[in-house]
Protein backbone atom coordinates (compact mmCIF):
# COMPACT_ATOMS: atom_id res chain seq x y z
CA MET A 1 86.80 86.82 88.98
CA THR A 2 87.94 86.66 92.59
CA TRP A 3 88.58 84.34 95.49
CA ALA A 4 86.05 84.31 98.32
CA VAL A 5 85.61 83.12 101.91
CA TYR A 6 82.37 82.04 103.52
CA ALA A 7 82.00 82.04 107.33
CA ARG A 8 79.05 81.16 109.54
CA GLN A 9 78.29 80.83 113.24
CA SER A 10 74.87 80.16 114.73
CA VAL A 11 75.68 81.21 118.34
CA GLU A 12 78.77 82.48 120.14
CA LYS A 13 80.42 79.66 122.14
CA GLN A 14 83.72 79.48 124.01
CA ASN A 15 84.81 76.33 122.18
CA SER A 16 83.60 77.56 118.78
CA LEU A 17 85.81 79.57 116.44
CA SER A 18 84.36 82.99 115.80
CA ILE A 19 83.51 84.28 112.34
CA ASP A 20 86.50 86.64 112.49
CA GLY A 21 88.76 83.71 113.37
CA GLN A 22 87.40 81.64 110.48
CA ILE A 23 88.02 84.47 108.01
CA GLU A 24 91.55 85.05 109.29
CA LEU A 25 92.57 81.38 108.94
CA CYS A 26 91.16 81.26 105.41
CA ARG A 27 93.11 84.41 104.47
CA ARG A 28 96.35 82.88 105.75
CA THR A 29 95.77 79.73 103.66
CA ALA A 30 94.83 81.68 100.55
CA GLY A 31 97.69 84.12 100.84
CA SER A 32 95.73 86.75 98.91
CA PRO A 33 92.74 89.08 99.44
CA LEU A 34 89.34 87.39 99.75
CA ALA A 35 85.81 88.64 99.21
CA VAL A 36 83.98 87.99 102.51
CA TYR A 37 80.51 86.44 102.88
CA GLU A 38 79.42 85.93 106.50
CA ASP A 39 76.19 84.83 108.20
CA ARG A 40 75.78 85.42 111.94
CA GLY A 41 73.10 83.60 113.89
CA TYR A 42 72.10 81.13 111.16
CA SER A 43 72.05 77.35 111.42
CA GLY A 44 73.88 75.29 108.82
CA LYS A 45 70.62 73.40 108.18
CA ASN A 46 69.08 76.60 106.85
CA THR A 47 70.04 77.22 103.22
CA ARG A 48 68.16 80.54 103.11
CA ARG A 49 71.02 82.40 104.78
CA PRO A 50 71.35 85.93 103.26
CA ALA A 51 75.10 85.97 102.62
CA PHE A 52 75.00 82.33 101.53
CA GLN A 53 72.36 83.09 98.91
CA ARG A 54 74.32 86.15 97.77
CA LEU A 55 77.40 83.96 97.39
CA LEU A 56 75.52 81.43 95.25
CA GLY A 57 74.25 84.26 93.09
CA ASP A 58 77.80 85.49 92.51
CA VAL A 59 78.91 81.92 91.75
CA ARG A 60 76.23 81.55 89.08
CA ALA A 61 77.17 84.96 87.69
CA GLY A 62 80.78 83.78 87.22
CA ARG A 63 82.30 86.22 89.73
CA ILE A 64 83.92 83.57 91.98
CA GLU A 65 86.93 81.46 91.00
CA LYS A 66 87.80 79.77 94.31
CA LEU A 67 85.88 79.44 97.57
CA PHE A 68 87.42 78.97 101.05
CA VAL A 69 85.66 77.82 104.22
CA TYR A 70 87.12 77.08 107.65
CA ARG A 71 85.32 73.75 107.85
CA LEU A 72 82.78 71.90 105.71
CA ASP A 73 79.97 72.19 108.28
CA ARG A 74 80.29 76.00 108.10
CA PHE A 75 79.11 75.71 104.50
CA SER A 76 76.51 72.96 104.88
CA ARG A 77 75.40 70.61 107.66
CA SER A 78 73.77 68.13 105.25
CA VAL A 79 75.89 65.89 103.06
CA ALA A 80 73.04 65.70 100.55
CA ASP A 81 72.79 69.51 100.49
CA PHE A 82 76.53 69.79 99.96
CA GLY A 83 76.29 67.37 97.03
CA ARG A 84 73.78 69.66 95.34
CA LEU A 85 75.86 72.76 96.18
CA TRP A 86 78.98 71.17 94.78
CA GLU A 87 77.17 70.52 91.49
CA THR A 88 76.51 74.29 91.33
CA LEU A 89 80.16 75.09 92.11
CA GLN A 90 81.42 72.56 89.58
CA ALA A 91 79.07 73.79 86.86
CA ASN A 92 80.51 77.28 87.27
CA GLY A 93 84.18 76.25 87.48
CA VAL A 94 84.63 77.13 91.18
CA GLU A 95 87.30 75.31 93.23
CA PHE A 96 86.46 74.54 96.86
CA VAL A 97 88.85 74.54 99.85
CA SER A 98 88.13 73.47 103.44
CA VAL A 99 91.04 74.83 105.51
CA SER A 100 90.89 72.76 108.72
CA GLU A 101 90.15 69.51 106.85
CA ASN A 102 92.86 70.05 104.20
CA PHE A 103 90.20 69.63 101.54
CA ASP A 104 91.09 71.28 98.21
CA THR A 105 89.36 70.25 94.96
CA SER A 106 92.30 71.59 92.94
CA THR A 107 94.39 68.62 94.23
CA PRO A 108 93.97 64.87 93.51
CA MET A 109 93.41 64.09 97.22
CA GLY A 110 90.78 66.81 97.47
CA ARG A 111 88.92 65.45 94.46
CA ALA A 112 89.07 61.93 95.95
CA MET A 113 87.57 63.26 99.19
CA LEU A 114 84.86 64.93 97.14
CA HIS A 115 83.95 61.64 95.46
CA ILE A 116 83.63 59.99 98.88
CA ILE A 117 81.34 62.79 100.04
CA MET A 118 79.23 62.44 96.90
CA VAL A 119 78.80 58.71 97.57
CA PHE A 120 77.49 59.49 101.05
CA ALA A 121 75.29 62.21 99.58
CA GLN A 122 73.69 59.68 97.23
CA LEU A 123 73.26 57.22 100.11
CA GLU A 124 71.53 59.89 102.18
CA ARG A 125 69.19 60.80 99.31
CA GLU A 126 68.27 57.14 98.68
CA THR A 127 67.71 56.50 102.39
CA THR A 128 65.44 59.52 102.65
CA ALA A 129 63.51 58.45 99.54
CA GLN A 130 63.07 54.94 100.98
CA ARG A 131 61.74 56.36 104.25
CA VAL A 132 59.24 58.45 102.29
CA ARG A 133 58.12 55.40 100.28
CA ASP A 134 57.81 53.24 103.39
CA ASN A 135 55.69 55.88 105.10
CA TYR A 136 53.53 56.24 101.97
CA TYR A 137 52.82 52.49 101.79
CA ARG A 138 52.22 52.28 105.54
CA ARG A 139 49.61 55.03 105.46
CA ALA A 140 48.03 53.55 102.35
CA GLY A 141 47.81 50.12 103.98
CA LEU A 142 46.00 51.65 106.95
CA GLY A 143 43.41 53.22 104.64
CA ALA A 144 44.55 56.81 105.15
CA TRP A 145 45.21 59.14 102.23
CA PRO A 146 49.01 58.79 101.87
CA GLY A 147 49.73 62.28 100.56
CA GLY A 148 49.83 64.31 97.41
CA PRO A 149 47.08 66.35 95.76
CA PRO A 150 43.54 64.99 96.18
CA PRO A 151 41.71 63.39 93.23
CA TYR A 152 39.10 65.43 91.39
CA GLY A 153 35.91 65.34 93.46
CA TYR A 154 37.71 65.43 96.82
CA ALA A 155 39.58 67.74 99.18
CA ILE A 156 42.08 66.83 101.88
CA GLY A 157 40.67 66.55 105.39
CA ARG A 158 41.10 64.56 108.59
CA ILE A 159 38.97 62.11 110.52
CA THR A 160 39.20 60.72 114.06
CA GLU A 161 39.53 56.96 114.44
CA GLY A 162 40.16 55.25 117.75
CA GLY A 163 41.05 58.53 119.41
CA ARG A 164 43.62 59.42 116.74
CA THR A 165 43.29 61.65 113.72
CA ALA A 166 44.26 60.50 110.24
CA PRO A 167 44.29 62.18 106.82
CA ALA A 168 41.22 61.44 104.73
CA LEU A 169 39.44 62.64 101.59
CA LYS A 170 36.35 64.84 101.89
CA ILE A 171 33.81 64.93 99.08
CA VAL A 172 33.46 68.24 97.22
CA PRO A 173 29.74 68.19 96.25
CA GLU A 174 29.97 70.12 92.96
CA GLN A 175 32.89 68.06 91.68
CA ALA A 176 31.36 64.80 92.95
CA ALA A 177 28.25 65.53 90.88
CA ALA A 178 30.48 65.93 87.80
CA VAL A 179 32.19 62.62 88.57
CA ARG A 180 28.85 60.79 88.82
CA ARG A 181 27.67 62.40 85.60
CA ALA A 182 30.82 61.29 83.76
CA PHE A 183 30.31 57.66 84.81
CA GLU A 184 26.58 57.72 84.00
CA GLU A 185 27.16 59.30 80.58
CA TYR A 186 29.92 56.88 79.63
CA ALA A 187 27.93 53.80 80.69
CA ARG A 188 25.18 54.64 78.15
CA PRO A 189 25.14 52.51 74.97
CA GLY A 190 27.04 54.14 72.13
CA ALA A 191 28.79 56.69 74.35
CA THR A 192 32.52 57.25 73.77
CA LEU A 193 35.19 59.11 75.68
CA SER A 194 35.16 61.92 73.14
CA SER A 195 31.37 62.24 73.07
CA VAL A 196 31.13 62.36 76.86
CA ALA A 197 33.97 64.90 77.03
CA ARG A 198 32.16 67.04 74.50
CA ARG A 199 28.93 66.96 76.50
CA MET A 200 30.80 67.83 79.70
CA ASN A 201 32.35 70.83 77.96
CA GLU A 202 29.01 71.91 76.53
CA ALA A 203 27.59 71.86 80.07
CA SER A 204 30.50 74.14 81.20
CA ILE A 205 31.70 71.61 83.79
CA PRO A 206 35.30 72.42 84.83
CA ALA A 207 37.79 69.65 84.12
CA PRO A 208 40.43 68.52 86.64
CA ARG A 209 43.56 70.72 86.48
CA ARG A 210 42.63 72.12 83.07
CA GLY A 211 40.00 74.22 81.37
CA ALA A 212 38.32 71.59 79.20
CA TRP A 213 37.61 67.87 79.16
CA ASP A 214 39.19 65.57 76.60
CA GLY A 215 39.41 61.82 76.18
CA SER A 216 42.60 61.49 78.23
CA ALA A 217 41.28 63.41 81.24
CA LEU A 218 38.02 61.45 81.16
CA SER A 219 39.81 58.11 80.85
CA ARG A 220 41.97 58.84 83.90
CA LEU A 221 38.90 59.73 85.93
CA LEU A 222 36.91 56.65 84.84
CA HIS A 223 39.80 54.33 85.71
CA GLY A 224 40.04 55.74 89.24
CA PRO A 225 39.20 53.17 91.98
CA VAL A 226 38.99 55.99 94.53
CA TYR A 227 35.50 56.78 93.23
CA VAL A 228 33.90 53.33 93.61
CA MET A 229 31.71 52.51 96.61
CA ALA A 230 33.55 49.22 96.86
CA ASP A 231 31.53 46.08 97.59
CA ARG A 232 32.26 42.35 97.36
CA GLU A 233 31.97 42.28 93.56
CA VAL A 234 34.61 44.99 93.32
CA TYR A 235 36.77 42.85 95.64
CA LEU A 236 36.33 39.91 93.24
CA HIS A 237 37.12 42.17 90.27
CA PHE A 238 40.52 43.17 91.65
CA THR A 239 41.23 39.69 93.03
CA ALA A 240 40.69 38.22 89.57
CA LEU A 241 43.09 40.79 88.12
CA GLY A 242 45.75 39.62 90.56
CA ALA A 243 46.07 42.83 92.58
CA ALA A 244 47.57 42.46 96.06
CA VAL A 245 44.51 43.26 98.17
CA THR A 246 45.78 44.33 101.61
CA SER A 247 42.33 44.93 103.18
CA PRO A 248 40.11 42.04 104.30
CA ALA A 249 37.04 41.22 102.20
CA GLU A 250 34.66 42.44 104.93
CA ASP A 251 36.03 45.98 104.55
CA PHE A 252 34.45 46.16 101.08
CA ASP A 253 31.22 47.51 102.55
CA GLY A 254 29.72 49.32 99.55
CA VAL A 255 30.52 52.71 101.08
CA HIS A 256 34.27 53.41 101.00
CA GLY A 257 36.55 54.03 98.02
CA LEU A 258 39.82 52.30 97.16
CA LEU A 259 43.46 53.26 96.86
CA LEU A 260 45.54 51.50 94.23
CA VAL A 261 49.27 52.02 94.77
CA GLY A 262 51.51 51.67 91.76
CA ARG A 263 48.75 52.38 89.24
CA ARG A 264 50.92 54.16 86.69
CA ASP A 265 54.26 53.52 85.07
CA ARG A 266 55.61 57.09 84.95
CA ALA A 267 58.41 56.26 82.53
CA GLY A 268 56.17 54.46 80.08
CA LYS A 269 53.16 56.70 80.74
CA ARG A 270 50.82 53.75 80.99
CA TYR A 271 48.96 51.79 83.64
CA ALA A 272 51.03 49.14 85.43
CA PRO A 273 49.82 45.50 85.37
CA ALA A 274 47.38 44.64 88.18
CA ARG A 275 49.76 42.08 89.68
CA GLU A 276 52.22 44.92 90.37
CA GLN A 277 49.65 46.96 92.33
CA ALA A 278 48.55 47.00 95.97
CA LEU A 279 44.90 47.70 96.81
CA SER A 280 43.47 48.93 100.11
CA VAL A 281 40.12 50.26 101.28
CA LEU A 282 40.24 53.98 102.10
CA ASN A 283 38.80 55.61 105.18
CA SER A 284 37.00 57.94 102.76
CA PRO A 285 33.63 57.41 101.04
CA GLY A 286 33.29 56.56 97.38
CA ILE A 287 31.14 58.51 94.93
CA VAL A 288 30.00 56.01 92.27
CA PRO A 289 27.93 52.85 92.96
CA ALA A 290 29.84 49.64 92.43
CA GLU A 291 27.60 48.32 89.64
CA LEU A 292 28.03 51.52 87.59
CA TRP A 293 31.80 51.62 88.19
CA LEU A 294 32.23 47.98 87.12
CA ALA A 295 30.14 48.56 83.98
CA CYS A 296 32.48 51.38 82.98
CA GLN A 297 35.57 49.23 83.66
CA ARG A 298 34.22 46.51 81.37
CA LYS A 299 33.58 49.07 78.64
CA LEU A 300 37.06 50.60 79.07
CA GLY A 301 38.55 47.12 78.89
CA ARG A 302 36.74 46.39 75.62
CA ASN A 303 37.99 49.68 74.18
CA ALA A 304 41.57 48.78 75.08
CA GLN A 305 41.23 45.45 73.27
CA LEU A 306 39.62 46.99 70.19
CA LYS A 307 42.46 49.49 69.62
CA ASN A 308 39.98 52.02 68.26
CA SER A 309 42.63 54.38 66.85
CA GLY A 310 42.21 54.74 63.11
CA SER A 311 38.55 53.69 62.90
CA GLY A 312 37.65 56.61 60.62
CA ALA A 313 35.69 55.94 57.45
CA HIS A 314 36.97 58.78 55.25
CA THR A 315 40.62 57.78 54.76
CA TRP A 316 42.79 54.73 55.34
CA LEU A 317 45.29 57.10 56.99
CA SER A 318 42.94 57.71 59.94
CA GLY A 319 44.77 57.66 63.24
CA LEU A 320 48.13 58.37 61.57
CA LEU A 321 47.52 62.01 60.59
CA LYS A 322 48.80 64.44 63.26
CA CYS A 323 48.95 68.21 63.48
CA ALA A 324 52.55 69.34 62.99
CA ALA A 325 51.93 72.26 65.35
CA CYS A 326 50.41 70.62 68.45
CA GLY A 327 50.61 66.84 67.83
CA TYR A 328 46.86 66.20 68.10
CA SER A 329 45.18 63.84 65.65
CA LEU A 330 43.72 65.40 62.53
CA LYS A 331 40.00 64.94 61.96
CA VAL A 332 38.77 64.12 58.48
CA THR A 333 35.33 65.21 57.33
CA ALA A 334 33.67 64.77 53.96
CA ASP A 335 31.31 66.99 51.99
CA GLY A 336 30.33 64.94 48.98
CA PRO A 337 33.48 64.01 47.04
CA ARG A 338 35.62 66.60 48.83
CA ARG A 339 37.46 65.72 52.03
CA TYR A 340 38.83 68.13 54.62
CA VAL A 341 41.22 67.81 57.57
CA HIS A 342 41.30 69.93 60.71
CA CYS A 343 43.20 69.73 64.00
CA GLY A 344 41.50 67.91 66.88
CA GLY A 345 43.42 70.20 69.25
CA ARG A 346 40.88 72.93 68.50
CA TYR A 347 38.49 71.18 70.88
CA SER A 348 41.03 70.36 73.59
CA MET A 349 42.80 72.46 76.18
CA THR A 350 45.43 73.42 73.61
CA GLY A 351 42.94 75.37 71.50
CA CYS A 352 45.20 74.87 68.46
CA ARG A 353 44.60 77.29 65.61
CA ALA A 354 47.23 76.00 63.18
CA ALA A 355 46.43 76.31 59.49
CA VAL A 356 46.41 72.71 58.25
CA ARG A 357 46.09 72.70 54.47
CA ALA A 358 46.50 69.36 52.75
CA ASP A 359 45.13 67.80 49.59
CA LEU A 360 44.08 64.49 51.09
CA ASP A 361 43.86 62.75 47.70
CA ALA A 362 47.39 63.85 46.80
CA LEU A 363 48.68 62.83 50.25
CA GLU A 364 47.13 59.36 49.99
CA SER A 365 48.57 58.92 46.50
CA ALA A 366 52.09 59.90 47.57
CA VAL A 367 52.01 57.64 50.64
CA GLN A 368 50.55 54.77 48.58
CA ASP A 369 53.45 55.00 46.12
CA GLN A 370 55.99 54.90 48.96
CA LEU A 371 54.22 51.98 50.62
CA GLN A 372 54.24 50.02 47.36
CA GLN A 373 57.99 50.55 47.03
CA VAL A 374 58.44 49.10 50.52
CA LEU A 375 56.08 46.18 49.82
CA ASP A 376 57.98 45.32 46.63
CA LYS A 377 61.15 44.85 48.70
CA CYS A 378 59.45 42.54 51.22
CA PRO A 379 60.05 38.77 50.95
CA PRO A 380 57.12 36.50 49.96
CA ALA A 381 54.47 36.01 52.62
CA SER A 382 55.27 33.38 55.21
CA PRO A 383 52.75 31.39 57.25
CA PRO A 384 50.94 33.60 59.77
CA ALA A 385 52.72 33.99 63.07
CA SER A 386 51.11 32.53 66.15
CA ASP A 387 48.93 34.97 68.03
CA ASP A 388 48.52 35.51 71.76
CA THR A 389 45.20 33.64 72.05
CA ALA A 390 46.65 30.85 74.19
CA GLN A 391 48.30 33.36 76.51
CA ARG A 392 45.05 35.32 76.92
CA LEU A 393 43.10 32.13 77.64
CA GLU A 394 45.69 31.10 80.23
CA GLU A 395 45.33 34.49 81.91
CA LEU A 396 41.55 33.97 82.09
CA ASP A 397 42.16 30.57 83.70
CA ARG A 398 44.42 32.19 86.29
CA ARG A 399 41.79 34.82 87.02
CA CYS A 400 39.20 32.06 87.54
CA ASP A 401 41.56 30.27 89.93
CA ARG A 402 42.14 33.48 91.90
CA LEU A 403 38.38 34.04 92.16
CA LEU A 404 37.82 30.52 93.47
CA ASP A 405 40.67 30.90 95.98
CA ALA A 406 39.20 34.18 97.24
CA PHE A 407 35.76 32.56 97.55
CA SER A 408 37.11 29.57 99.49
CA GLN A 409 38.99 31.84 101.92
CA SER A 410 36.05 34.15 102.59
CA GLY A 411 33.29 32.69 104.71
CA ASP A 412 30.69 35.37 103.98
CA MET A 413 31.08 35.94 100.22
CA SER A 414 27.91 35.08 98.30
CA SER A 415 27.96 32.39 95.61
CA ALA A 416 25.81 34.66 93.42
CA ALA A 417 28.56 37.29 93.30
CA LEU A 418 31.08 34.59 92.42
CA ARG A 419 28.83 33.28 89.65
CA ARG A 420 28.42 36.74 88.11
CA ALA A 421 32.18 37.27 88.12
CA LEU A 422 32.79 33.86 86.52
CA ASP A 423 30.11 34.56 83.90
CA ARG A 424 31.90 37.76 82.90
CA LEU A 425 35.14 35.83 82.45
CA GLU A 426 33.31 33.21 80.37
CA ASP A 427 31.95 35.97 78.12
CA GLN A 428 35.51 37.14 77.55
CA ARG A 429 36.58 33.57 76.74
CA ARG A 430 33.85 33.20 74.12
CA ALA A 431 34.81 36.53 72.54
CA ILE A 432 38.49 35.47 72.29
CA LEU A 433 37.60 32.10 70.73
CA SER A 434 35.19 33.75 68.28
CA ALA A 435 37.89 36.19 67.16
CA GLN A 436 40.30 33.30 66.71
CA ARG A 437 37.81 31.43 64.51
CA ARG A 438 37.24 34.51 62.33
CA LYS A 439 40.97 34.95 61.92
CA ALA A 440 41.46 31.30 60.96
CA ALA A 441 38.72 31.60 58.31
CA ARG A 442 40.50 34.43 56.46
CA PRO A 443 42.04 33.44 53.12
CA ALA A 444 45.80 33.16 52.91
CA PRO A 445 47.50 36.36 51.71
CA PRO A 446 48.98 36.47 48.20
CA ASP A 447 52.71 36.16 47.68
CA ARG A 448 52.92 39.85 46.65
CA ILE A 449 50.69 42.68 47.80
CA ARG A 450 49.45 45.34 45.38
CA PHE A 451 48.44 48.13 47.71
CA LYS A 452 46.04 49.90 45.34
CA ASP A 453 44.04 46.66 44.91
CA LEU A 454 43.47 46.20 48.64
CA ALA A 455 40.12 46.83 50.30
CA PHE A 456 39.74 49.93 52.47
CA GLU A 457 40.15 48.09 55.79
CA GLU A 458 43.09 46.09 54.42
CA LYS A 459 44.84 49.33 53.46
CA LYS A 460 44.42 50.52 57.06
CA ILE A 461 46.04 47.36 58.38
CA VAL A 462 49.03 47.57 56.02
CA ALA A 463 49.51 51.30 56.66
CA ARG A 464 49.70 50.73 60.43
CA GLN A 465 52.27 48.00 59.96
CA PHE A 466 54.70 50.34 58.22
CA LEU A 467 53.76 53.90 59.27
CA ARG A 468 54.13 55.43 62.72
CA ARG A 469 52.63 58.87 62.04
CA ILE A 470 52.32 61.64 59.45
CA ASP A 471 52.75 65.22 60.67
CA VAL A 472 50.74 67.56 58.44
CA GLY A 473 51.41 71.29 58.35
CA ASP A 474 50.67 74.15 56.00
CA GLY A 475 51.21 72.58 52.60
CA CYS A 476 53.68 69.93 53.75
CA ALA A 477 53.75 66.53 55.45
CA ASP A 478 56.48 64.56 57.24
CA VAL A 479 56.14 60.76 57.15
CA TYR A 480 57.59 58.69 60.06
CA TRP A 481 58.07 54.98 59.42
CA ASN A 482 58.14 51.92 61.68
CA ILE A 483 61.03 50.50 59.68
């Protein structure tokens, strides 16, 4: 390991210390030979300097012990850049010395100065990020595509409005046809995400950013408001959900698509609540008629409420069995009295070919015994806990109020559209009350539960209370509990 000096000068100036002068001052301070890295004619804003990159390579290779520069701006002009560079130096045990600024990270004062610089580096990064976010929301509010890759079915383009050009989405005909087909297929009675994905794959229709369609890719596409030719009923739909609609109602002309900002919680990998989203009308055309798009949203909403996972009829472990190799759900099929499991990843983009061998009868028996041991340790059944029916009914009331407010503030919104939207909410209210009545009619549970005596559907319910998942591999299974 050696000590090194880095020197840089963009242009020769009378009042600027030359590269040779910088190196000489660093040598005097070091008092020992230095390996020299110098860049002539390069700005400090440019991190692609040849000698600079060679220096970083030697740092990462562990060849540098201490680095000298004449002044901090010779090394980096950006405080944020220096913060990132210092992380590289620190990770490789390199001390840093700025000669003219008496800045030496081997001393307490030098380390204190470094902490101050890092604070300003973080401030600069946060300020830059805020400017990017502000610009994103400003462009979105104006109806322009705010940036990022285009949705499936579109390409990035530009349009001229009022003598100025703005970014916009252009329809890609082949992909747009696939989008329309996905919505039409899913809206058919009995169609599911998996069945539509299978038909799309059978028709050799390319999926967005992957080779094959699956339920997740299809769900993301069907939820997309960018595809709807947004009219007044779509406006009422989002108003009832509580979204912050930034475009006036008259902009919902049945032609243009929508941009919903804040649609996804990246950390939780789920859709954010509507009240935390901002909606604007794009300057780009939609692809799917409003009536078809709304029909698919209602169907997706019913699916979310039904919690369809684990609806299989061949085992009460349906929805809990996962492939130990790829994590996809295992499919159970029956041939007379014999039952088989295979990985659902075979039909997804993963193309899993793991050998899943499990005696399903033996697996159910082993899990049943463990569940019974847990149930025996549970206290006697207490009165059923209150459900969320009241909360869901209150949310429907709020959505009705928002619809009425939107209708009163819009002079040209038809009463027929309002009535249809209110009727849909009333249908949801009746469904919630009906489910509550069915639940109230159920007999009280016994003090102790004997798992083997439960009905098939009851076993499913109990299993999901206590089990998170079961990873099945070649002749083995790992059980993960919720307790």
